[in-house]
PDB file of all heavy atoms in Angstrom:
ATOM      1  N   LYS A   1       3.024 -20.131  -4.405  1.00  0.00           N
ATOM      2  CA  LYS A   1       1.998 -21.164  -4.316  1.00  0.00           C
ATOM      3  C   LYS A   1       2.516 -22.378  -5.094  1.00  0.00           C
ATOM      4  O   LYS A   1       3.288 -22.219  -6.032  1.00  0.00           O
ATOM      5  CB  LYS A   1       0.679 -20.704  -4.943  1.00  0.00           C
ATOM      6  CG  LYS A   1      -0.061 -19.672  -4.137  1.00  0.00           C
ATOM      7  CD  LYS A   1      -1.393 -19.371  -4.755  1.00  0.00           C
ATOM      8  CE  LYS A   1      -2.159 -18.378  -3.928  1.00  0.00           C
ATOM      9  NZ  LYS A   1      -3.529 -18.177  -4.465  1.00  0.00           N
ATOM     10  N   ARG A   2       2.049 -23.569  -4.712  1.00  0.00           N
ATOM     11  CA  ARG A   2       2.500 -24.786  -5.357  1.00  0.00           C
ATOM     12  C   ARG A   2       1.322 -25.712  -5.615  1.00  0.00           C
ATOM     13  O   ARG A   2       0.417 -25.824  -4.797  1.00  0.00           O
ATOM     14  CB  ARG A   2       3.536 -25.476  -4.510  1.00  0.00           C
ATOM     15  CG  ARG A   2       4.042 -26.776  -5.076  1.00  0.00           C
ATOM     16  CD  ARG A   2       5.134 -27.357  -4.189  1.00  0.00           C
ATOM     17  NE  ARG A   2       5.353 -28.753  -4.498  1.00  0.00           N
ATOM     18  CZ  ARG A   2       6.525 -29.359  -4.415  1.00  0.00           C
ATOM     19  NH1 ARG A   2       7.571 -28.685  -3.996  1.00  0.00           N
ATOM     20  NH2 ARG A   2       6.642 -30.620  -4.700  1.00  0.00           N
ATOM     21  N   ARG A   3       1.362 -26.375  -6.780  1.00  0.00           N
ATOM     22  CA  ARG A   3       0.368 -27.383  -7.126  1.00  0.00           C
ATOM     23  C   ARG A   3       1.141 -28.646  -7.510  1.00  0.00           C
ATOM     24  O   ARG A   3       2.013 -28.618  -8.339  1.00  0.00           O
ATOM     25  CB  ARG A   3      -0.468 -26.903  -8.318  1.00  0.00           C
ATOM     26  CG  ARG A   3      -1.493 -27.889  -8.764  1.00  0.00           C
ATOM     27  CD  ARG A   3      -2.184 -27.528 -10.079  1.00  0.00           C
ATOM     28  NE  ARG A   3      -2.253 -26.151 -10.415  1.00  0.00           N
ATOM     29  CZ  ARG A   3      -3.343 -25.380 -10.331  1.00  0.00           C
ATOM     30  NH1 ARG A   3      -4.480 -25.900  -9.906  1.00  0.00           N
ATOM     31  NH2 ARG A   3      -3.320 -24.116 -10.693  1.00  0.00           N
ATOM     32  N   ASP A   4       0.796 -29.772  -6.844  1.00  0.00           N
ATOM     33  CA  ASP A   4       1.464 -31.048  -7.094  1.00  0.00           C
ATOM     34  C   ASP A   4       0.599 -31.923  -7.989  1.00  0.00           C
ATOM     35  O   ASP A   4      -0.638 -31.762  -8.056  1.00  0.00           O
ATOM     36  CB  ASP A   4       1.690 -31.800  -5.785  1.00  0.00           C
ATOM     37  CG  ASP A   4       2.663 -31.089  -4.883  1.00  0.00           C
ATOM     38  OD1 ASP A   4       3.695 -30.609  -5.394  1.00  0.00           O
ATOM     39  OD2 ASP A   4       2.401 -30.988  -3.667  1.00  0.00           O
ATOM     40  N   CYS A   5       1.212 -32.865  -8.657  1.00  0.00           N
ATOM     41  CA  CYS A   5       0.501 -33.928  -9.359  1.00  0.00           C
ATOM     42  C   CYS A   5       0.260 -35.064  -8.386  1.00  0.00           C
ATOM     43  O   CYS A   5       1.184 -35.514  -7.707  1.00  0.00           O
ATOM     44  CB  CYS A   5       1.291 -34.412 -10.571  1.00  0.00           C
ATOM     45  SG  CYS A   5       0.491 -35.800 -11.414  1.00  0.00           S
ATOM     46  N   ALA A   6      -0.963 -35.536  -8.333  1.00  0.00           N
ATOM     47  CA  ALA A   6      -1.297 -36.633  -7.420  1.00  0.00           C
ATOM     48  C   ALA A   6      -0.765 -37.971  -7.869  1.00  0.00           C
ATOM     49  O   ALA A   6      -0.732 -38.930  -7.104  1.00  0.00           O
ATOM     50  CB  ALA A   6      -2.822 -36.704  -7.233  1.00  0.00           C
ATOM     51  N   SER A   7      -0.297 -38.044  -9.137  1.00  0.00           N
ATOM     52  CA  SER A   7       0.147 -39.337  -9.702  1.00  0.00           C
ATOM     53  C   SER A   7       1.639 -39.480  -9.829  1.00  0.00           C
ATOM     54  O   SER A   7       2.126 -40.592 -10.019  1.00  0.00           O
ATOM     55  CB  SER A   7      -0.487 -39.510 -11.098  1.00  0.00           C
ATOM     56  OG  SER A   7      -1.889 -39.479 -11.010  1.00  0.00           O
ATOM     57  N   CYS A   8       2.358 -38.374  -9.793  1.00  0.00           N
ATOM     58  CA  CYS A   8       3.821 -38.452  -9.977  1.00  0.00           C
ATOM     59  C   CYS A   8       4.500 -37.327  -9.201  1.00  0.00           C
ATOM     60  O   CYS A   8       3.860 -36.641  -8.425  1.00  0.00           O
ATOM     61  CB  CYS A   8       4.184 -38.404 -11.461  1.00  0.00           C
ATOM     62  SG  CYS A   8       3.907 -36.800 -12.248  1.00  0.00           S
ATOM     63  N   ASP A   9       5.774 -37.112  -9.429  1.00  0.00           N
ATOM     64  CA  ASP A   9       6.531 -36.093  -8.706  1.00  0.00           C
ATOM     65  C   ASP A   9       6.482 -34.725  -9.348  1.00  0.00           C
ATOM     66  O   ASP A   9       7.143 -33.791  -8.893  1.00  0.00           O
ATOM     67  CB  ASP A   9       7.999 -36.540  -8.576  1.00  0.00           C
ATOM     68  CG  ASP A   9       8.191 -37.746  -7.666  1.00  0.00           C
ATOM     69  OD1 ASP A   9       7.317 -37.930  -6.775  1.00  0.00           O
ATOM     70  OD2 ASP A   9       9.173 -38.486  -7.837  1.00  0.00           O
ATOM     71  N   HIS A  10       5.692 -34.581 -10.411  1.00  0.00           N
ATOM     72  CA  HIS A  10       5.618 -33.290 -11.113  1.00  0.00           C
ATOM     73  C   HIS A  10       4.912 -32.256 -10.234  1.00  0.00           C
ATOM     74  O   HIS A  10       3.979 -32.571  -9.483  1.00  0.00           O
ATOM     75  CB  HIS A  10       4.838 -33.444 -12.425  1.00  0.00           C
ATOM     76  CG  HIS A  10       4.623 -32.164 -13.149  1.00  0.00           C
ATOM     77  ND1 HIS A  10       5.601 -31.571 -13.901  1.00  0.00           N
ATOM     78  CD2 HIS A  10       3.560 -31.334 -13.207  1.00  0.00           C
ATOM     79  CE1 HIS A  10       5.142 -30.434 -14.408  1.00  0.00           C
ATOM     80  NE2 HIS A  10       3.895 -30.273 -13.991  1.00  0.00           N
ATOM     81  N   TYR A  11       5.373 -31.017 -10.280  1.00  0.00           N
ATOM     82  CA  TYR A  11       4.702 -29.910  -9.587  1.00  0.00           C
ATOM     83  C   TYR A  11       4.956 -28.629 -10.340  1.00  0.00           C
ATOM     84  O   TYR A  11       5.854 -28.547 -11.195  1.00  0.00           O
ATOM     85  CB  TYR A  11       5.173 -29.775  -8.143  1.00  0.00           C
ATOM     86  CG  TYR A  11       6.617 -29.363  -7.998  1.00  0.00           C
ATOM     87  CD1 TYR A  11       6.964 -28.024  -7.919  1.00  0.00           C
ATOM     88  CD2 TYR A  11       7.635 -30.299  -7.941  1.00  0.00           C
ATOM     89  CE1 TYR A  11       8.297 -27.627  -7.779  1.00  0.00           C
ATOM     90  CE2 TYR A  11       8.966 -29.937  -7.803  1.00  0.00           C
ATOM     91  CZ  TYR A  11       9.286 -28.591  -7.730  1.00  0.00           C
ATOM     92  OH  TYR A  11      10.595 -28.219  -7.611  1.00  0.00           O
ATOM     93  N   GLU A  12       4.127 -27.641 -10.080  1.00  0.00           N
ATOM     94  CA  GLU A  12       4.349 -26.303 -10.643  1.00  0.00           C
ATOM     95  C   GLU A  12       4.193 -25.278  -9.535  1.00  0.00           C
ATOM     96  O   GLU A  12       3.508 -25.552  -8.542  1.00  0.00           O
ATOM     97  CB  GLU A  12       3.358 -26.009 -11.775  1.00  0.00           C
ATOM     98  CG  GLU A  12       1.920 -25.852 -11.311  1.00  0.00           C
ATOM     99  CD  GLU A  12       0.969 -25.526 -12.460  1.00  0.00           C
ATOM    100  OE1 GLU A  12       1.200 -25.998 -13.592  1.00  0.00           O
ATOM    101  OE2 GLU A  12       0.014 -24.789 -12.211  1.00  0.00           O
ATOM    102  N   THR A  13       4.868 -24.173  -9.688  1.00  0.00           N
ATOM    103  CA  THR A  13       4.794 -23.111  -8.698  1.00  0.00           C
ATOM    104  C   THR A  13       4.300 -21.846  -9.356  1.00  0.00           C
ATOM    105  O   THR A  13       4.477 -21.651 -10.574  1.00  0.00           O
ATOM    106  CB  THR A  13       6.156 -22.833  -8.022  1.00  0.00           C
ATOM    107  OG1 THR A  13       7.109 -22.476  -9.017  1.00  0.00           O
ATOM    108  CG2 THR A  13       6.641 -24.044  -7.244  1.00  0.00           C
ATOM    109  N   GLN A  14       3.677 -20.994  -8.566  1.00  0.00           N
ATOM    110  CA  GLN A  14       3.235 -19.685  -9.015  1.00  0.00           C
ATOM    111  C   GLN A  14       3.703 -18.654  -7.992  1.00  0.00           C
ATOM    112  O   GLN A  14       3.689 -18.910  -6.800  1.00  0.00           O
ATOM    113  CB  GLN A  14       1.714 -19.614  -9.145  1.00  0.00           C
ATOM    114  CG  GLN A  14       1.156 -20.466 -10.248  1.00  0.00           C
ATOM    115  CD  GLN A  14      -0.362 -20.327 -10.340  1.00  0.00           C
ATOM    116  OE1 GLN A  14      -0.997 -19.588  -9.582  1.00  0.00           O
ATOM    117  NE2 GLN A  14      -0.952 -21.056 -11.281  1.00  0.00           N
ATOM    118  N   SER A  15       4.088 -17.508  -8.516  1.00  0.00           N
ATOM    119  CA  SER A  15       4.540 -16.418  -7.648  1.00  0.00           C
ATOM    120  C   SER A  15       3.340 -15.615  -7.171  1.00  0.00           C
ATOM    121  O   SER A  15       2.377 -15.395  -7.916  1.00  0.00           O
ATOM    122  CB  SER A  15       5.499 -15.520  -8.415  1.00  0.00           C
ATOM    123  OG  SER A  15       5.975 -14.476  -7.599  1.00  0.00           O
ATOM    124  N   ILE A  16       3.383 -15.184  -5.898  1.00  0.00           N
ATOM    125  CA  ILE A  16       2.405 -14.249  -5.345  1.00  0.00           C
ATOM    126  C   ILE A  16       3.121 -12.918  -5.207  1.00  0.00           C
ATOM    127  O   ILE A  16       4.126 -12.817  -4.528  1.00  0.00           O
ATOM    128  CB  ILE A  16       1.916 -14.714  -3.961  1.00  0.00           C
ATOM    129  CG1 ILE A  16       1.388 -16.141  -4.014  1.00  0.00           C
ATOM    130  CG2 ILE A  16       0.868 -13.764  -3.422  1.00  0.00           C
ATOM    131  CD1 ILE A  16       1.167 -16.770  -2.632  1.00  0.00           C
ATOM    132  N   THR A  17       2.619 -11.904  -5.860  1.00  0.00           N
ATOM    133  CA  THR A  17       3.284 -10.583  -5.881  1.00  0.00           C
ATOM    134  C   THR A  17       3.295  -9.958  -4.489  1.00  0.00           C
ATOM    135  O   THR A  17       2.303 -10.001  -3.753  1.00  0.00           O
ATOM    136  CB  THR A  17       2.537  -9.665  -6.861  1.00  0.00           C
ATOM    137  OG1 THR A  17       2.510 -10.278  -8.135  1.00  0.00           O
ATOM    138  CG2 THR A  17       3.234  -8.312  -6.961  1.00  0.00           C
ATOM    139  N   ALA A  18       4.450  -9.356  -4.159  1.00  0.00           N
ATOM    140  CA  ALA A  18       4.586  -8.642  -2.884  1.00  0.00           C
ATOM    141  C   ALA A  18       3.476  -7.610  -2.769  1.00  0.00           C
ATOM    142  O   ALA A  18       3.079  -6.986  -3.759  1.00  0.00           O
ATOM    143  CB  ALA A  18       5.943  -7.997  -2.801  1.00  0.00           C
ATOM    144  N   THR A  19       2.962  -7.409  -1.575  1.00  0.00           N
ATOM    145  CA  THR A  19       1.805  -6.532  -1.365  1.00  0.00           C
ATOM    146  C   THR A  19       2.137  -5.045  -1.356  1.00  0.00           C
ATOM    147  O   THR A  19       1.284  -4.220  -1.588  1.00  0.00           O
ATOM    148  CB  THR A  19       1.104  -6.875  -0.042  1.00  0.00           C
ATOM    149  OG1 THR A  19       2.033  -6.690   1.011  1.00  0.00           O
ATOM    150  CG2 THR A  19       0.590  -8.287  -0.054  1.00  0.00           C
ATOM    151  N   GLY A  20       3.385  -4.694  -1.062  1.00  0.00           N
ATOM    152  CA  GLY A  20       3.755  -3.274  -0.892  1.00  0.00           C
ATOM    153  C   GLY A  20       3.335  -2.811   0.498  1.00  0.00           C
ATOM    154  O   GLY A  20       2.442  -3.388   1.120  1.00  0.00           O
ATOM    155  N   HIS A  21       3.972  -1.768   0.959  1.00  0.00           N
ATOM    156  CA  HIS A  21       3.671  -1.235   2.296  1.00  0.00           C
ATOM    157  C   HIS A  21       2.289  -0.569   2.314  1.00  0.00           C
ATOM    158  O   HIS A  21       1.865   0.002   1.324  1.00  0.00           O
ATOM    159  CB  HIS A  21       4.726  -0.222   2.737  1.00  0.00           C
ATOM    160  CG  HIS A  21       6.046  -0.827   2.987  1.00  0.00           C
ATOM    161  ND1 HIS A  21       6.298  -1.717   4.002  1.00  0.00           N
ATOM    162  CD2 HIS A  21       7.237  -0.683   2.355  1.00  0.00           C
ATOM    163  CE1 HIS A  21       7.571  -2.082   3.992  1.00  0.00           C
ATOM    164  NE2 HIS A  21       8.161  -1.465   2.997  1.00  0.00           N
ATOM    165  N   SER A  22       1.641  -0.645   3.428  1.00  0.00           N
ATOM    166  CA  SER A  22       0.351   0.028   3.683  1.00  0.00           C
ATOM    167  C   SER A  22       0.498   0.784   4.984  1.00  0.00           C
ATOM    168  O   SER A  22       0.400   0.208   6.073  1.00  0.00           O
ATOM    169  CB  SER A  22      -0.762  -1.024   3.764  1.00  0.00           C
ATOM    170  OG  SER A  22      -2.001  -0.393   4.048  1.00  0.00           O
ATOM    171  N   TYR A  23       0.762   2.089   4.866  1.00  0.00           N
ATOM    172  CA  TYR A  23       1.102   2.885   6.039  1.00  0.00           C
ATOM    173  C   TYR A  23      -0.134   3.493   6.680  1.00  0.00           C
ATOM    174  O   TYR A  23      -1.077   3.915   6.010  1.00  0.00           O
ATOM    175  CB  TYR A  23       2.062   4.007   5.661  1.00  0.00           C
ATOM    176  CG  TYR A  23       3.434   3.524   5.268  1.00  0.00           C
ATOM    177  CD1 TYR A  23       3.804   3.427   3.933  1.00  0.00           C
ATOM    178  CD2 TYR A  23       4.351   3.162   6.239  1.00  0.00           C
ATOM    179  CE1 TYR A  23       5.054   2.966   3.578  1.00  0.00           C
ATOM    180  CE2 TYR A  23       5.598   2.712   5.893  1.00  0.00           C
ATOM    181  CZ  TYR A  23       5.950   2.626   4.562  1.00  0.00           C
ATOM    182  OH  TYR A  23       7.191   2.179   4.201  1.00  0.00           O
ATOM    183  N   LYS A  24      -0.111   3.562   8.009  1.00  0.00           N
ATOM    184  CA  LYS A  24      -1.116   4.251   8.807  1.00  0.00           C
ATOM    185  C   LYS A  24      -0.424   5.468   9.448  1.00  0.00           C
ATOM    186  O   LYS A  24       0.650   5.316  10.013  1.00  0.00           O
ATOM    187  CB  LYS A  24      -1.683   3.328   9.889  1.00  0.00           C
ATOM    188  CG  LYS A  24      -2.689   3.994  10.794  1.00  0.00           C
ATOM    189  CD  LYS A  24      -3.180   3.031  11.860  1.00  0.00           C
ATOM    190  CE  LYS A  24      -4.092   3.771  12.837  1.00  0.00           C
ATOM    191  NZ  LYS A  24      -4.439   2.909  13.983  1.00  0.00           N
ATOM    192  N   ALA A  25      -1.081   6.622   9.376  1.00  0.00           N
ATOM    193  CA  ALA A  25      -0.482   7.842   9.900  1.00  0.00           C
ATOM    194  C   ALA A  25      -0.909   8.071  11.338  1.00  0.00           C
ATOM    195  O   ALA A  25      -2.063   7.916  11.699  1.00  0.00           O
ATOM    196  CB  ALA A  25      -0.903   9.057   9.060  1.00  0.00           C
ATOM    197  N   THR A  26       0.081   8.435  12.178  1.00  0.00           N
ATOM    198  CA  THR A  26      -0.176   8.835  13.554  1.00  0.00           C
ATOM    199  C   THR A  26       0.413  10.232  13.736  1.00  0.00           C
ATOM    200  O   THR A  26       1.608  10.428  13.549  1.00  0.00           O
ATOM    201  CB  THR A  26       0.496   7.864  14.552  1.00  0.00           C
ATOM    202  OG1 THR A  26       0.004   6.540  14.300  1.00  0.00           O
ATOM    203  CG2 THR A  26       0.172   8.254  15.989  1.00  0.00           C
ATOM    204  N   ILE A  27      -0.449  11.203  14.076  1.00  0.00           N
ATOM    205  CA  ILE A  27      -0.026  12.581  14.177  1.00  0.00           C
ATOM    206  C   ILE A  27       0.336  12.911  15.623  1.00  0.00           C
ATOM    207  O   ILE A  27      -0.424  12.632  16.541  1.00  0.00           O
ATOM    208  CB  ILE A  27      -1.127  13.533  13.679  1.00  0.00           C
ATOM    209  CG1 ILE A  27      -1.410  13.256  12.208  1.00  0.00           C
ATOM    210  CG2 ILE A  27      -0.758  14.985  13.917  1.00  0.00           C
ATOM    211  CD1 ILE A  27      -2.637  13.974  11.677  1.00  0.00           C
ATOM    212  N   THR A  28       1.510  13.503  15.792  1.00  0.00           N
ATOM    213  CA  THR A  28       1.923  14.048  17.085  1.00  0.00           C
ATOM    214  C   THR A  28       1.887  15.576  16.932  1.00  0.00           C
ATOM    215  O   THR A  28       2.657  16.125  16.134  1.00  0.00           O
ATOM    216  CB  THR A  28       3.328  13.567  17.461  1.00  0.00           C
ATOM    217  OG1 THR A  28       3.319  12.151  17.518  1.00  0.00           O
ATOM    218  CG2 THR A  28       3.764  14.139  18.805  1.00  0.00           C
ATOM    219  N   LYS A  29       0.991  16.231  17.661  1.00  0.00           N
ATOM    220  CA  LYS A  29       0.809  17.680  17.535  1.00  0.00           C
ATOM    221  C   LYS A  29       1.949  18.412  18.227  1.00  0.00           C
ATOM    222  O   LYS A  29       2.510  17.942  19.213  1.00  0.00           O
ATOM    223  CB  LYS A  29      -0.523  18.096  18.126  1.00  0.00           C
ATOM    224  CG  LYS A  29      -1.705  17.548  17.352  1.00  0.00           C
ATOM    225  CD  LYS A  29      -3.005  18.026  17.928  1.00  0.00           C
ATOM    226  CE  LYS A  29      -4.153  17.472  17.086  1.00  0.00           C
ATOM    227  NZ  LYS A  29      -5.444  18.000  17.545  1.00  0.00           N
ATOM    228  N   PRO A  30       2.301  19.583  17.700  1.00  0.00           N
ATOM    229  CA  PRO A  30       3.352  20.363  18.334  1.00  0.00           C
ATOM    230  C   PRO A  30       2.872  20.942  19.680  1.00  0.00           C
ATOM    231  O   PRO A  30       1.688  21.111  19.896  1.00  0.00           O
ATOM    232  CB  PRO A  30       3.615  21.494  17.339  1.00  0.00           C
ATOM    233  CG  PRO A  30       2.345  21.623  16.567  1.00  0.00           C
ATOM    234  CD  PRO A  30       1.745  20.259  16.513  1.00  0.00           C
ATOM    235  N   THR A  31       3.844  21.187  20.541  1.00  0.00           N
ATOM    236  CA  THR A  31       3.560  21.866  21.821  1.00  0.00           C
ATOM    237  C   THR A  31       4.392  23.136  21.845  1.00  0.00           C
ATOM    238  O   THR A  31       5.055  23.477  20.868  1.00  0.00           O
ATOM    239  CB  THR A  31       3.919  20.975  23.024  1.00  0.00           C
ATOM    240  OG1 THR A  31       5.350  20.828  23.061  1.00  0.00           O
ATOM    241  CG2 THR A  31       3.248  19.624  22.938  1.00  0.00           C
ATOM    242  N   CYS A  32       4.408  23.794  22.989  1.00  0.00           N
ATOM    243  CA  CYS A  32       5.222  25.005  23.075  1.00  0.00           C
ATOM    244  C   CYS A  32       6.712  24.688  23.176  1.00  0.00           C
ATOM    245  O   CYS A  32       7.555  25.565  23.008  1.00  0.00           O
ATOM    246  CB  CYS A  32       4.773  25.901  24.222  1.00  0.00           C
ATOM    247  SG  CYS A  32       4.521  25.082  25.759  1.00  0.00           S
ATOM    248  N   THR A  33       7.080  23.432  23.407  1.00  0.00           N
ATOM    249  CA  THR A  33       8.506  23.089  23.527  1.00  0.00           C
ATOM    250  C   THR A  33       8.970  22.022  22.534  1.00  0.00           C
ATOM    251  O   THR A  33      10.164  21.790  22.412  1.00  0.00           O
ATOM    252  CB  THR A  33       8.817  22.587  24.943  1.00  0.00           C
ATOM    253  OG1 THR A  33       7.982  21.466  25.242  1.00  0.00           O
ATOM    254  CG2 THR A  33       8.574  23.677  25.979  1.00  0.00           C
ATOM    255  N   THR A  34       8.054  21.324  21.854  1.00  0.00           N
ATOM    256  CA  THR A  34       8.467  20.263  20.917  1.00  0.00           C
ATOM    257  C   THR A  34       7.738  20.415  19.587  1.00  0.00           C
ATOM    258  O   THR A  34       6.579  20.858  19.544  1.00  0.00           O
ATOM    259  CB  THR A  34       8.155  18.864  21.463  1.00  0.00           C
ATOM    260  OG1 THR A  34       6.756  18.733  21.702  1.00  0.00           O
ATOM    261  CG2 THR A  34       8.905  18.603  22.760  1.00  0.00           C
ATOM    262  N   GLU A  35       8.433  20.064  18.517  1.00  0.00           N
ATOM    263  CA  GLU A  35       7.805  20.151  17.203  1.00  0.00           C
ATOM    264  C   GLU A  35       6.810  19.007  17.008  1.00  0.00           C
ATOM    265  O   GLU A  35       6.874  17.992  17.696  1.00  0.00           O
ATOM    266  CB  GLU A  35       8.891  20.106  16.098  1.00  0.00           C
ATOM    267  CG  GLU A  35       9.592  18.782  15.971  1.00  0.00           C
ATOM    268  CD  GLU A  35      10.685  18.812  14.903  1.00  0.00           C
ATOM    269  OE1 GLU A  35      10.940  19.853  14.285  1.00  0.00           O
ATOM    270  OE2 GLU A  35      11.278  17.765  14.686  1.00  0.00           O
ATOM    271  N   GLY A  36       5.904  19.210  16.100  1.00  0.00           N
ATOM    272  CA  GLY A  36       4.954  18.154  15.755  1.00  0.00           C
ATOM    273  C   GLY A  36       5.469  17.372  14.535  1.00  0.00           C
ATOM    274  O   GLY A  36       6.357  17.819  13.834  1.00  0.00           O
ATOM    275  N   TYR A  37       4.890  16.206  14.332  1.00  0.00           N
ATOM    276  CA  TYR A  37       5.305  15.379  13.202  1.00  0.00           C
ATOM    277  C   TYR A  37       4.268  14.270  12.986  1.00  0.00           C
ATOM    278  O   TYR A  37       3.402  14.056  13.825  1.00  0.00           O
ATOM    279  CB  TYR A  37       6.699  14.750  13.450  1.00  0.00           C
ATOM    280  CG  TYR A  37       6.771  13.996  14.752  1.00  0.00           C
ATOM    281  CD1 TYR A  37       6.468  12.636  14.812  1.00  0.00           C
ATOM    282  CD2 TYR A  37       7.140  14.638  15.926  1.00  0.00           C
ATOM    283  CE1 TYR A  37       6.543  11.939  15.997  1.00  0.00           C
ATOM    284  CE2 TYR A  37       7.200  13.954  17.107  1.00  0.00           C
ATOM    285  CZ  TYR A  37       6.907  12.605  17.151  1.00  0.00           C
ATOM    286  OH  TYR A  37       6.967  11.915  18.345  1.00  0.00           O
ATOM    287  N   THR A  38       4.379  13.600  11.849  1.00  0.00           N
ATOM    288  CA  THR A  38       3.520  12.467  11.573  1.00  0.00           C
ATOM    289  C   THR A  38       4.408  11.232  11.432  1.00  0.00           C
ATOM    290  O   THR A  38       5.405  11.280  10.696  1.00  0.00           O
ATOM    291  CB  THR A  38       2.717  12.687  10.291  1.00  0.00           C
ATOM    292  OG1 THR A  38       1.938  13.880  10.430  1.00  0.00           O
ATOM    293  CG2 THR A  38       1.780  11.527  10.004  1.00  0.00           C
ATOM    294  N   THR A  39       4.050  10.161  12.115  1.00  0.00           N
ATOM    295  CA  THR A  39       4.736   8.891  11.996  1.00  0.00           C
ATOM    296  C   THR A  39       3.884   7.984  11.112  1.00  0.00           C
ATOM    297  O   THR A  39       2.710   7.793  11.398  1.00  0.00           O
ATOM    298  CB  THR A  39       4.963   8.221  13.361  1.00  0.00           C
ATOM    299  OG1 THR A  39       5.679   9.129  14.210  1.00  0.00           O
ATOM    300  CG2 THR A  39       5.731   6.914  13.232  1.00  0.00           C
ATOM    301  N   TYR A  40       4.475   7.475  10.059  1.00  0.00           N
ATOM    302  CA  TYR A  40       3.798   6.539   9.155  1.00  0.00           C
ATOM    303  C   TYR A  40       4.312   5.136   9.451  1.00  0.00           C
ATOM    304  O   TYR A  40       5.522   4.888   9.352  1.00  0.00           O
ATOM    305  CB  TYR A  40       4.067   6.928   7.706  1.00  0.00           C
ATOM    306  CG  TYR A  40       3.487   8.261   7.332  1.00  0.00           C
ATOM    307  CD1 TYR A  40       4.209   9.425   7.476  1.00  0.00           C
ATOM    308  CD2 TYR A  40       2.186   8.350   6.861  1.00  0.00           C
ATOM    309  CE1 TYR A  40       3.684  10.668   7.142  1.00  0.00           C
ATOM    310  CE2 TYR A  40       1.638   9.575   6.500  1.00  0.00           C
ATOM    311  CZ  TYR A  40       2.388  10.717   6.660  1.00  0.00           C
ATOM    312  OH  TYR A  40       1.843  11.933   6.323  1.00  0.00           O
ATOM    313  N   THR A  41       3.433   4.216   9.834  1.00  0.00           N
ATOM    314  CA  THR A  41       3.815   2.869  10.234  1.00  0.00           C
ATOM    315  C   THR A  41       3.046   1.826   9.439  1.00  0.00           C
ATOM    316  O   THR A  41       1.821   1.891   9.319  1.00  0.00           O
ATOM    317  CB  THR A  41       3.537   2.643  11.727  1.00  0.00           C
ATOM    318  OG1 THR A  41       4.174   3.710  12.473  1.00  0.00           O
ATOM    319  CG2 THR A  41       4.084   1.304  12.210  1.00  0.00           C
ATOM    320  N   CYS A  42       3.779   0.843   8.899  1.00  0.00           N
ATOM    321  CA  CYS A  42       3.196  -0.281   8.186  1.00  0.00           C
ATOM    322  C   CYS A  42       2.976  -1.433   9.141  1.00  0.00           C
ATOM    323  O   CYS A  42       3.686  -1.556  10.156  1.00  0.00           O
ATOM    324  CB  CYS A  42       4.109  -0.714   7.044  1.00  0.00           C
ATOM    325  SG  CYS A  42       3.444  -2.086   6.058  1.00  0.00           S
ATOM    326  N   HIS A  43       2.037  -2.319   8.842  1.00  0.00           N
ATOM    327  CA  HIS A  43       1.765  -3.475   9.688  1.00  0.00           C
ATOM    328  C   HIS A  43       2.987  -4.394   9.828  1.00  0.00           C
ATOM    329  O   HIS A  43       3.085  -5.158  10.779  1.00  0.00           O
ATOM    330  CB  HIS A  43       0.576  -4.283   9.186  1.00  0.00           C
ATOM    331  CG  HIS A  43       0.756  -4.817   7.795  1.00  0.00           C
ATOM    332  ND1 HIS A  43       1.334  -6.027   7.548  1.00  0.00           N
ATOM    333  CD2 HIS A  43       0.429  -4.294   6.614  1.00  0.00           C
ATOM    334  CE1 HIS A  43       1.366  -6.210   6.247  1.00  0.00           C
ATOM    335  NE2 HIS A  43       0.832  -5.188   5.658  1.00  0.00           N
ATOM    336  N   CYS A  44       3.948  -4.285   8.911  1.00  0.00           N
ATOM    337  CA  CYS A  44       5.163  -5.111   8.992  1.00  0.00           C
ATOM    338  C   CYS A  44       6.205  -4.542   9.958  1.00  0.00           C
ATOM    339  O   CYS A  44       7.200  -5.173  10.237  1.00  0.00           O
ATOM    340  CB  CYS A  44       5.772  -5.300   7.615  1.00  0.00           C
ATOM    341  SG  CYS A  44       6.623  -3.840   6.974  1.00  0.00           S
ATOM    342  N   GLY A  45       5.957  -3.298  10.431  1.00  0.00           N
ATOM    343  CA  GLY A  45       6.902  -2.678  11.357  1.00  0.00           C
ATOM    344  C   GLY A  45       7.718  -1.569  10.736  1.00  0.00           C
ATOM    345  O   GLY A  45       8.345  -0.786  11.452  1.00  0.00           O
ATOM    346  N   ASP A  46       7.749  -1.472   9.419  1.00  0.00           N
ATOM    347  CA  ASP A  46       8.485  -0.396   8.770  1.00  0.00           C
ATOM    348  C   ASP A  46       7.804   0.930   9.090  1.00  0.00           C
ATOM    349  O   ASP A  46       6.573   1.026   9.119  1.00  0.00           O
ATOM    350  CB  ASP A  46       8.509  -0.615   7.239  1.00  0.00           C
ATOM    351  CG  ASP A  46       9.374   0.402   6.535  1.00  0.00           C
ATOM    352  OD1 ASP A  46      10.585   0.434   6.809  1.00  0.00           O
ATOM    353  OD2 ASP A  46       8.828   1.170   5.701  1.00  0.00           O
ATOM    354  N   SER A  47       8.575   1.974   9.354  1.00  0.00           N
ATOM    355  CA  SER A  47       7.989   3.264   9.643  1.00  0.00           C
ATOM    356  C   SER A  47       8.945   4.390   9.274  1.00  0.00           C
ATOM    357  O   SER A  47      10.141   4.165   9.100  1.00  0.00           O
ATOM    358  CB  SER A  47       7.614   3.377  11.134  1.00  0.00           C
ATOM    359  OG  SER A  47       8.773   3.396  11.924  1.00  0.00           O
TER     360      SER A  47
END
């Protein structure tokens, strides 16, 4: 984030902390021919 001075070129910045992953679980149940598993997926695409 940034805040400027309206009167001169001075400014200050502030850091916004990374949010960390927020995973959603999707369960795939086993069948008689395939194993089951859980896929954990974050809104950013990491899984």
